[in-house]
Amino acid sequence: MHRPGRPSVSEEEAYARAALPDSDRRHTFRELARETGLEHTTVLHILKERLCMRKIASRWVPHDLTDPIHLSFCRTMLGRMQRKL
């Protein structure tokens, strides 16, 4: 939500996106804040509101998953659970 008189986060969004590599999405938003130099609340806002991401099973994943991505993610999580048993 943009507030009057406050700067846009579009430039900050680019920093947060760059700090969240596709290969490793296990960063906490506080770790991302340290890496980007942004406030942790700003990083959390960018991830949730701007990039529509949610924390699922300790990973930041897009909120609107396509069926193939959702199926792949579920298989990965199922495989992990089976290995633990």
PDB file of N, CA and C in Angstrom:
ATOM      1  N   MET A   1       0.846  -1.166   0.000  1.00  0.00           N
ATOM      2  CA  MET A   1       0.000   0.000   0.000  1.00  0.00           C
ATOM      3  C   MET A   1       0.895   1.233   0.000  1.00  0.00           C
ATOM      4  N   HIS A   2       0.717   2.086  -0.973  1.00  0.00           N
ATOM      5  CA  HIS A   2       1.523   3.298  -1.100  1.00  0.00           C
ATOM      6  C   HIS A   2       0.930   4.395  -0.233  1.00  0.00           C
ATOM      7  N   ARG A   3       1.781   5.017   0.561  1.00  0.00           N
ATOM      8  CA  ARG A   3       1.354   6.128   1.411  1.00  0.00           C
ATOM      9  C   ARG A   3       1.863   7.424   0.803  1.00  0.00           C
ATOM     10  N   PRO A   4       1.051   8.478   0.842  1.00  0.00           N
ATOM     11  CA  PRO A   4       1.496   9.763   0.302  1.00  0.00           C
ATOM     12  C   PRO A   4       2.760  10.241   1.001  1.00  0.00           C
ATOM     13  N   GLY A   5       3.696  10.751   0.212  1.00  0.00           N
ATOM     14  CA  GLY A   5       4.917  11.286   0.780  1.00  0.00           C
ATOM     15  C   GLY A   5       5.995  10.257   1.054  1.00  0.00           C
ATOM     16  N   ARG A   6       5.689   8.985   0.846  1.00  0.00           N
ATOM     17  CA  ARG A   6       6.672   7.934   1.086  1.00  0.00           C
ATOM     18  C   ARG A   6       7.235   7.482  -0.258  1.00  0.00           C
ATOM     19  N   PRO A   7       8.502   7.105  -0.292  1.00  0.00           N
ATOM     20  CA  PRO A   7       9.100   6.688  -1.556  1.00  0.00           C
ATOM     21  C   PRO A   7       8.536   5.364  -2.052  1.00  0.00           C
ATOM     22  N   SER A   8       8.537   5.210  -3.354  1.00  0.00           N
ATOM     23  CA  SER A   8       8.111   3.956  -3.965  1.00  0.00           C
ATOM     24  C   SER A   8       9.151   2.888  -3.686  1.00  0.00           C
ATOM     25  N   VAL A   9       8.746   1.642  -3.663  1.00  0.00           N
ATOM     26  CA  VAL A   9       9.689   0.562  -3.373  1.00  0.00           C
ATOM     27  C   VAL A   9      10.145  -0.151  -4.642  1.00  0.00           C
ATOM     28  N   SER A  10       9.905   0.436  -5.809  1.00  0.00           N
ATOM     29  CA  SER A  10      10.271  -0.248  -7.047  1.00  0.00           C
ATOM     30  C   SER A  10      11.768  -0.522  -7.128  1.00  0.00           C
ATOM     31  N   GLU A  11      12.599   0.410  -6.704  1.00  0.00           N
ATOM     32  CA  GLU A  11      14.040   0.189  -6.711  1.00  0.00           C
ATOM     33  C   GLU A  11      14.418  -0.839  -5.644  1.00  0.00           C
ATOM     34  N   GLU A  12      13.774  -0.742  -4.487  1.00  0.00           N
ATOM     35  CA  GLU A  12      14.024  -1.695  -3.413  1.00  0.00           C
ATOM     36  C   GLU A  12      13.550  -3.089  -3.812  1.00  0.00           C
ATOM     37  N   GLU A  13      12.469  -3.135  -4.588  1.00  0.00           N
ATOM     38  CA  GLU A  13      11.950  -4.416  -5.067  1.00  0.00           C
ATOM     39  C   GLU A  13      13.007  -5.135  -5.893  1.00  0.00           C
ATOM     40  N   ALA A  14      13.726  -4.393  -6.708  1.00  0.00           N
ATOM     41  CA  ALA A  14      14.780  -4.985  -7.531  1.00  0.00           C
ATOM     42  C   ALA A  14      15.876  -5.578  -6.656  1.00  0.00           C
ATOM     43  N   TYR A  15      16.229  -4.891  -5.569  1.00  0.00           N
ATOM     44  CA  TYR A  15      17.239  -5.421  -4.651  1.00  0.00           C
ATOM     45  C   TYR A  15      16.756  -6.707  -3.986  1.00  0.00           C
ATOM     46  N   ALA A  16      15.510  -6.704  -3.533  1.00  0.00           N
ATOM     47  CA  ALA A  16      14.973  -7.892  -2.861  1.00  0.00           C
ATOM     48  C   ALA A  16      14.876  -9.064  -3.826  1.00  0.00           C
ATOM     49  N   ARG A  17      14.465  -8.787  -5.051  1.00  0.00           N
ATOM     50  CA  ARG A  17      14.357  -9.848  -6.059  1.00  0.00           C
ATOM     51  C   ARG A  17      15.741 -10.415  -6.370  1.00  0.00           C
ATOM     52  N   ALA A  18      16.741  -9.561  -6.448  1.00  0.00           N
ATOM     53  CA  ALA A  18      18.102 -10.023  -6.735  1.00  0.00           C
ATOM     54  C   ALA A  18      18.665 -10.829  -5.572  1.00  0.00           C
ATOM     55  N   ALA A  19      18.236 -10.515  -4.361  1.00  0.00           N
ATOM     56  CA  ALA A  19      18.737 -11.228  -3.183  1.00  0.00           C
ATOM     57  C   ALA A  19      18.039 -12.562  -2.974  1.00  0.00           C
ATOM     58  N   LEU A  20      17.019 -12.842  -3.755  1.00  0.00           N
ATOM     59  CA  LEU A  20      16.259 -14.071  -3.611  1.00  0.00           C
ATOM     60  C   LEU A  20      16.492 -14.961  -4.824  1.00  0.00           C
ATOM     61  N   PRO A  21      17.628 -15.638  -4.890  1.00  0.00           N
ATOM     62  CA  PRO A  21      17.911 -16.455  -6.068  1.00  0.00           C
ATOM     63  C   PRO A  21      16.932 -17.614  -6.193  1.00  0.00           C
ATOM     64  N   ASP A  22      16.645 -18.015  -7.428  1.00  0.00           N
ATOM     65  CA  ASP A  22      15.707 -19.104  -7.668  1.00  0.00           C
ATOM     66  C   ASP A  22      16.193 -20.418  -7.080  1.00  0.00           C
ATOM     67  N   SER A  23      17.499 -20.610  -7.005  1.00  0.00           N
ATOM     68  CA  SER A  23      18.028 -21.887  -6.551  1.00  0.00           C
ATOM     69  C   SER A  23      17.918 -22.081  -5.041  1.00  0.00           C
ATOM     70  N   ASP A  24      17.903 -21.007  -4.264  1.00  0.00           N
ATOM     71  CA  ASP A  24      17.837 -21.141  -2.809  1.00  0.00           C
ATOM     72  C   ASP A  24      16.861 -20.131  -2.250  1.00  0.00           C
ATOM     73  N   ARG A  25      15.675 -20.575  -1.929  1.00  0.00           N
ATOM     74  CA  ARG A  25      14.629 -19.684  -1.416  1.00  0.00           C
ATOM     75  C   ARG A  25      14.429 -19.860   0.082  1.00  0.00           C
ATOM     76  N   ARG A  26      15.442 -20.333   0.787  1.00  0.00           N
ATOM     77  CA  ARG A  26      15.307 -20.591   2.216  1.00  0.00           C
ATOM     78  C   ARG A  26      15.717 -19.411   3.086  1.00  0.00           C
ATOM     79  N   HIS A  27      15.974 -18.275   2.494  1.00  0.00           N
ATOM     80  CA  HIS A  27      16.361 -17.092   3.266  1.00  0.00           C
ATOM     81  C   HIS A  27      15.189 -16.608   4.115  1.00  0.00           C
ATOM     82  N   THR A  28      15.494 -16.087   5.293  1.00  0.00           N
ATOM     83  CA  THR A  28      14.467 -15.401   6.066  1.00  0.00           C
ATOM     84  C   THR A  28      14.418 -13.958   5.573  1.00  0.00           C
ATOM     85  N   PHE A  29      13.326 -13.282   5.864  1.00  0.00           N
ATOM     86  CA  PHE A  29      13.252 -11.895   5.399  1.00  0.00           C
ATOM     87  C   PHE A  29      14.263 -11.031   6.136  1.00  0.00           C
ATOM     88  N   ARG A  30      14.655 -11.402   7.343  1.00  0.00           N
ATOM     89  CA  ARG A  30      15.694 -10.648   8.054  1.00  0.00           C
ATOM     90  C   ARG A  30      17.060 -10.839   7.390  1.00  0.00           C
ATOM     91  N   GLU A  31      17.346 -12.056   6.915  1.00  0.00           N
ATOM     92  CA  GLU A  31      18.596 -12.288   6.175  1.00  0.00           C
ATOM     93  C   GLU A  31      18.607 -11.469   4.892  1.00  0.00           C
ATOM     94  N   LEU A  32      17.471 -11.450   4.196  1.00  0.00           N
ATOM     95  CA  LEU A  32      17.374 -10.654   2.969  1.00  0.00           C
ATOM     96  C   LEU A  32      17.546  -9.166   3.278  1.00  0.00           C
ATOM     97  N   ALA A  33      17.010  -8.728   4.406  1.00  0.00           N
ATOM     98  CA  ALA A  33      17.158  -7.320   4.789  1.00  0.00           C
ATOM     99  C   ALA A  33      18.630  -6.988   5.015  1.00  0.00           C
ATOM    100  N   ARG A  34      19.357  -7.882   5.685  1.00  0.00           N
ATOM    101  CA  ARG A  34      20.790  -7.647   5.901  1.00  0.00           C
ATOM    102  C   ARG A  34      21.530  -7.607   4.570  1.00  0.00           C
ATOM    103  N   GLU A  35      21.188  -8.535   3.655  1.00  0.00           N
ATOM    104  CA  GLU A  35      21.879  -8.599   2.363  1.00  0.00           C
ATOM    105  C   GLU A  35      21.602  -7.375   1.499  1.00  0.00           C
ATOM    106  N   THR A  36      20.382  -6.847   1.574  1.00  0.00           N
ATOM    107  CA  THR A  36      20.005  -5.728   0.715  1.00  0.00           C
ATOM    108  C   THR A  36      20.206  -4.370   1.368  1.00  0.00           C
ATOM    109  N   GLY A  37      20.331  -4.349   2.697  1.00  0.00           N
ATOM    110  CA  GLY A  37      20.450  -3.079   3.401  1.00  0.00           C
ATOM    111  C   GLY A  37      19.116  -2.383   3.601  1.00  0.00           C
ATOM    112  N   LEU A  38      18.013  -3.087   3.363  1.00  0.00           N
ATOM    113  CA  LEU A  38      16.676  -2.529   3.549  1.00  0.00           C
ATOM    114  C   LEU A  38      16.154  -2.905   4.926  1.00  0.00           C
ATOM    115  N   GLU A  39      15.141  -2.195   5.382  1.00  0.00           N
ATOM    116  CA  GLU A  39      14.469  -2.563   6.625  1.00  0.00           C
ATOM    117  C   GLU A  39      13.772  -3.905   6.429  1.00  0.00           C
ATOM    118  N   HIS A  40      13.719  -4.721   7.487  1.00  0.00           N
ATOM    119  CA  HIS A  40      13.098  -6.038   7.343  1.00  0.00           C
ATOM    120  C   HIS A  40      11.605  -5.921   7.029  1.00  0.00           C
ATOM    121  N   THR A  41      10.949  -4.873   7.519  1.00  0.00           N
ATOM    122  CA  THR A  41       9.533  -4.692   7.202  1.00  0.00           C
ATOM    123  C   THR A  41       9.335  -4.350   5.727  1.00  0.00           C
ATOM    124  N   THR A  42      10.282  -3.628   5.140  1.00  0.00           N
ATOM    125  CA  THR A  42      10.218  -3.305   3.712  1.00  0.00           C
ATOM    126  C   THR A  42      10.382  -4.567   2.882  1.00  0.00           C
ATOM    127  N   VAL A  43      11.352  -5.408   3.259  1.00  0.00           N
ATOM    128  CA  VAL A  43      11.575  -6.664   2.531  1.00  0.00           C
ATOM    129  C   VAL A  43      10.340  -7.551   2.637  1.00  0.00           C
ATOM    130  N   LEU A  44       9.762  -7.645   3.827  1.00  0.00           N
ATOM    131  CA  LEU A  44       8.563  -8.457   4.012  1.00  0.00           C
ATOM    132  C   LEU A  44       7.423  -7.934   3.150  1.00  0.00           C
ATOM    133  N   HIS A  45       7.246  -6.617   3.101  1.00  0.00           N
ATOM    134  CA  HIS A  45       6.206  -6.010   2.260  1.00  0.00           C
ATOM    135  C   HIS A  45       6.435  -6.347   0.788  1.00  0.00           C
ATOM    136  N   ILE A  46       7.678  -6.227   0.335  1.00  0.00           N
ATOM    137  CA  ILE A  46       7.992  -6.505  -1.069  1.00  0.00           C
ATOM    138  C   ILE A  46       7.691  -7.957  -1.398  1.00  0.00           C
ATOM    139  N   LEU A  47       8.143  -8.877  -0.550  1.00  0.00           N
ATOM    140  CA  LEU A  47       7.933 -10.298  -0.819  1.00  0.00           C
ATOM    141  C   LEU A  47       6.454 -10.659  -0.835  1.00  0.00           C
ATOM    142  N   LYS A  48       5.712 -10.160   0.145  1.00  0.00           N
ATOM    143  CA  LYS A  48       4.307 -10.554   0.250  1.00  0.00           C
ATOM    144  C   LYS A  48       3.391  -9.768  -0.685  1.00  0.00           C
ATOM    145  N   GLU A  49       3.537  -8.457  -0.708  1.00  0.00           N
ATOM    146  CA  GLU A  49       2.598  -7.620  -1.452  1.00  0.00           C
ATOM    147  C   GLU A  49       2.993  -7.411  -2.909  1.00  0.00           C
ATOM    148  N   ARG A  50       4.257  -7.136  -3.164  1.00  0.00           N
ATOM    149  CA  ARG A  50       4.697  -6.832  -4.521  1.00  0.00           C
ATOM    150  C   ARG A  50       4.982  -8.085  -5.340  1.00  0.00           C
ATOM    151  N   LEU A  51       5.674  -9.063  -4.732  1.00  0.00           N
ATOM    152  CA  LEU A  51       6.054 -10.272  -5.467  1.00  0.00           C
ATOM    153  C   LEU A  51       5.068 -11.413  -5.252  1.00  0.00           C
ATOM    154  N   CYS A  52       4.053 -11.198  -4.415  1.00  0.00           N
ATOM    155  CA  CYS A  52       3.016 -12.204  -4.136  1.00  0.00           C
ATOM    156  C   CYS A  52       3.622 -13.547  -3.747  1.00  0.00           C
ATOM    157  N   MET A  53       4.538 -13.517  -2.796  1.00  0.00           N
ATOM    158  CA  MET A  53       5.177 -14.749  -2.353  1.00  0.00           C
ATOM    159  C   MET A  53       4.736 -15.057  -0.930  1.00  0.00           C
ATOM    160  N   ARG A  54       4.775 -16.349  -0.602  1.00  0.00           N
ATOM    161  CA  ARG A  54       4.427 -16.801   0.737  1.00  0.00           C
ATOM    162  C   ARG A  54       5.503 -17.746   1.228  1.00  0.00           C
ATOM    163  N   LYS A  55       5.638 -17.846   2.523  1.00  0.00           N
ATOM    164  CA  LYS A  55       6.600 -18.761   3.123  1.00  0.00           C
ATOM    165  C   LYS A  55       5.880 -20.092   3.321  1.00  0.00           C
ATOM    166  N   ILE A  56       6.321 -21.121   2.599  1.00  0.00           N
ATOM    167  CA  ILE A  56       5.735 -22.453   2.692  1.00  0.00           C
ATOM    168  C   ILE A  56       6.870 -23.432   2.902  1.00  0.00           C
ATOM    169  N   ALA A  57       6.772 -24.221   3.966  1.00  0.00           N
ATOM    170  CA  ALA A  57       7.794 -25.233   4.270  1.00  0.00           C
ATOM    171  C   ALA A  57       9.194 -24.616   4.260  1.00  0.00           C
ATOM    172  N   SER A  58       9.335 -23.470   4.891  1.00  0.00           N
ATOM    173  CA  SER A  58      10.616 -22.758   5.032  1.00  0.00           C
ATOM    174  C   SER A  58      11.193 -22.257   3.719  1.00  0.00           C
ATOM    175  N   ARG A  59      10.371 -22.067   2.712  1.00  0.00           N
ATOM    176  CA  ARG A  59      10.819 -21.530   1.427  1.00  0.00           C
ATOM    177  C   ARG A  59       9.868 -20.435   0.979  1.00  0.00           C
ATOM    178  N   TRP A  60      10.423 -19.428   0.326  1.00  0.00           N
ATOM    179  CA  TRP A  60       9.587 -18.403  -0.295  1.00  0.00           C
ATOM    180  C   TRP A  60       9.175 -18.927  -1.659  1.00  0.00           C
ATOM    181  N   VAL A  61       7.876 -19.062  -1.876  1.00  0.00           N
ATOM    182  CA  VAL A  61       7.368 -19.565  -3.149  1.00  0.00           C
ATOM    183  C   VAL A  61       6.308 -18.605  -3.669  1.00  0.00           C
ATOM    184  N   PRO A  62       6.155 -18.536  -4.993  1.00  0.00           N
ATOM    185  CA  PRO A  62       5.104 -17.684  -5.551  1.00  0.00           C
ATOM    186  C   PRO A  62       3.734 -18.131  -5.047  1.00  0.00           C
ATOM    187  N   HIS A  63       2.877 -17.192  -4.730  1.00  0.00           N
ATOM    188  CA  HIS A  63       1.553 -17.510  -4.197  1.00  0.00           C
ATOM    189  C   HIS A  63       0.682 -18.181  -5.253  1.00  0.00           C
ATOM    190  N   ASP A  64       0.739 -17.714  -6.474  1.00  0.00           N
ATOM    191  CA  ASP A  64      -0.072 -18.279  -7.550  1.00  0.00           C
ATOM    192  C   ASP A  64       0.746 -19.318  -8.300  1.00  0.00           C
ATOM    193  N   LEU A  65       0.747 -20.542  -7.798  1.00  0.00           N
ATOM    194  CA  LEU A  65       1.520 -21.601  -8.434  1.00  0.00           C
ATOM    195  C   LEU A  65       0.749 -22.181  -9.609  1.00  0.00           C
ATOM    196  N   THR A  66       1.449 -22.431 -10.699  1.00  0.00           N
ATOM    197  CA  THR A  66       0.832 -23.145 -11.804  1.00  0.00           C
ATOM    198  C   THR A  66       0.751 -24.612 -11.413  1.00  0.00           C
ATOM    199  N   ASP A  67      -0.103 -25.375 -12.064  1.00  0.00           N
ATOM    200  CA  ASP A  67      -0.267 -26.785 -11.713  1.00  0.00           C
ATOM    201  C   ASP A  67       1.037 -27.575 -11.778  1.00  0.00           C
ATOM    202  N   PRO A  68       1.853 -27.445 -12.842  1.00  0.00           N
ATOM    203  CA  PRO A  68       3.111 -28.209 -12.866  1.00  0.00           C
ATOM    204  C   PRO A  68       4.066 -27.832 -11.733  1.00  0.00           C
ATOM    205  N   ILE A  69       4.151 -26.543 -11.401  1.00  0.00           N
ATOM    206  CA  ILE A  69       5.030 -26.112 -10.312  1.00  0.00           C
ATOM    207  C   ILE A  69       4.494 -26.627  -8.980  1.00  0.00           C
ATOM    208  N   HIS A  70       3.188 -26.548  -8.793  1.00  0.00           N
ATOM    209  CA  HIS A  70       2.570 -27.035  -7.566  1.00  0.00           C
ATOM    210  C   HIS A  70       2.815 -28.529  -7.408  1.00  0.00           C
ATOM    211  N   LEU A  71       2.641 -29.296  -8.466  1.00  0.00           N
ATOM    212  CA  LEU A  71       2.868 -30.741  -8.433  1.00  0.00           C
ATOM    213  C   LEU A  71       4.326 -31.051  -8.120  1.00  0.00           C
ATOM    214  N   SER A  72       5.240 -30.332  -8.741  1.00  0.00           N
ATOM    215  CA  SER A  72       6.667 -30.539  -8.495  1.00  0.00           C
ATOM    216  C   SER A  72       7.017 -30.233  -7.044  1.00  0.00           C
ATOM    217  N   PHE A  73       6.488 -29.149  -6.511  1.00  0.00           N
ATOM    218  CA  PHE A  73       6.752 -28.777  -5.125  1.00  0.00           C
ATOM    219  C   PHE A  73       6.214 -29.840  -4.170  1.00  0.00           C
ATOM    220  N   CYS A  74       5.012 -30.325  -4.433  1.00  0.00           N
ATOM    221  CA  CYS A  74       4.413 -31.356  -3.579  1.00  0.00           C
ATOM    222  C   CYS A  74       5.232 -32.638  -3.617  1.00  0.00           C
ATOM    223  N   ARG A  75       5.710 -33.017  -4.789  1.00  0.00           N
ATOM    224  CA  ARG A  75       6.544 -34.219  -4.905  1.00  0.00           C
ATOM    225  C   ARG A  75       7.849 -34.054  -4.132  1.00  0.00           C
ATOM    226  N   THR A  76       8.437 -32.875  -4.207  1.00  0.00           N
ATOM    227  CA  THR A  76       9.668 -32.608  -3.465  1.00  0.00           C
ATOM    228  C   THR A  76       9.433 -32.738  -1.967  1.00  0.00           C
ATOM    229  N   MET A  77       8.356 -32.146  -1.476  1.00  0.00           N
ATOM    230  CA  MET A  77       8.049 -32.216  -0.048  1.00  0.00           C
ATOM    231  C   MET A  77       7.716 -33.645   0.380  1.00  0.00           C
ATOM    232  N   LEU A  78       6.986 -34.386  -0.445  1.00  0.00           N
ATOM    233  CA  LEU A  78       6.658 -35.779  -0.142  1.00  0.00           C
ATOM    234  C   LEU A  78       7.929 -36.621  -0.070  1.00  0.00           C
ATOM    235  N   GLY A  79       8.849 -36.407  -1.009  1.00  0.00           N
ATOM    236  CA  GLY A  79      10.120 -37.127  -1.003  1.00  0.00           C
ATOM    237  C   GLY A  79      10.913 -36.851   0.259  1.00  0.00           C
ATOM    238  N   ARG A  80      10.917 -35.619   0.708  1.00  0.00           N
ATOM    239  CA  ARG A  80      11.631 -35.273   1.945  1.00  0.00           C
ATOM    240  C   ARG A  80      11.018 -35.973   3.149  1.00  0.00           C
ATOM    241  N   MET A  81       9.697 -35.973   3.203  1.00  0.00           N
ATOM    242  CA  MET A  81       9.024 -36.623   4.326  1.00  0.00           C
ATOM    243  C   MET A  81       9.291 -38.126   4.324  1.00  0.00           C
ATOM    244  N   GLN A  82       9.288 -38.746   3.161  1.00  0.00           N
ATOM    245  CA  GLN A  82       9.538 -40.184   3.070  1.00  0.00           C
ATOM    246  C   GLN A  82      10.967 -40.517   3.476  1.00  0.00           C
ATOM    247  N   ARG A  83      11.928 -39.668   3.138  1.00  0.00           N
ATOM    248  CA  ARG A  83      13.320 -39.906   3.529  1.00  0.00           C
ATOM    249  C   ARG A  83      13.501 -39.791   5.035  1.00  0.00           C
ATOM    250  N   LYS A  84      12.730 -38.913   5.665  1.00  0.00           N
ATOM    251  CA  LYS A  84      12.829 -38.741   7.117  1.00  0.00           C
ATOM    252  C   LYS A  84      12.253 -39.933   7.869  1.00  0.00           C
ATOM    253  N   LEU A  85      11.284 -40.615   7.260  1.00  0.00           N
ATOM    254  CA  LEU A  85      10.667 -41.772   7.917  1.00  0.00           C
ATOM    255  C   LEU A  85      11.547 -42.939   7.685  1.00  0.00           C
TER     256      LEU A  85
END
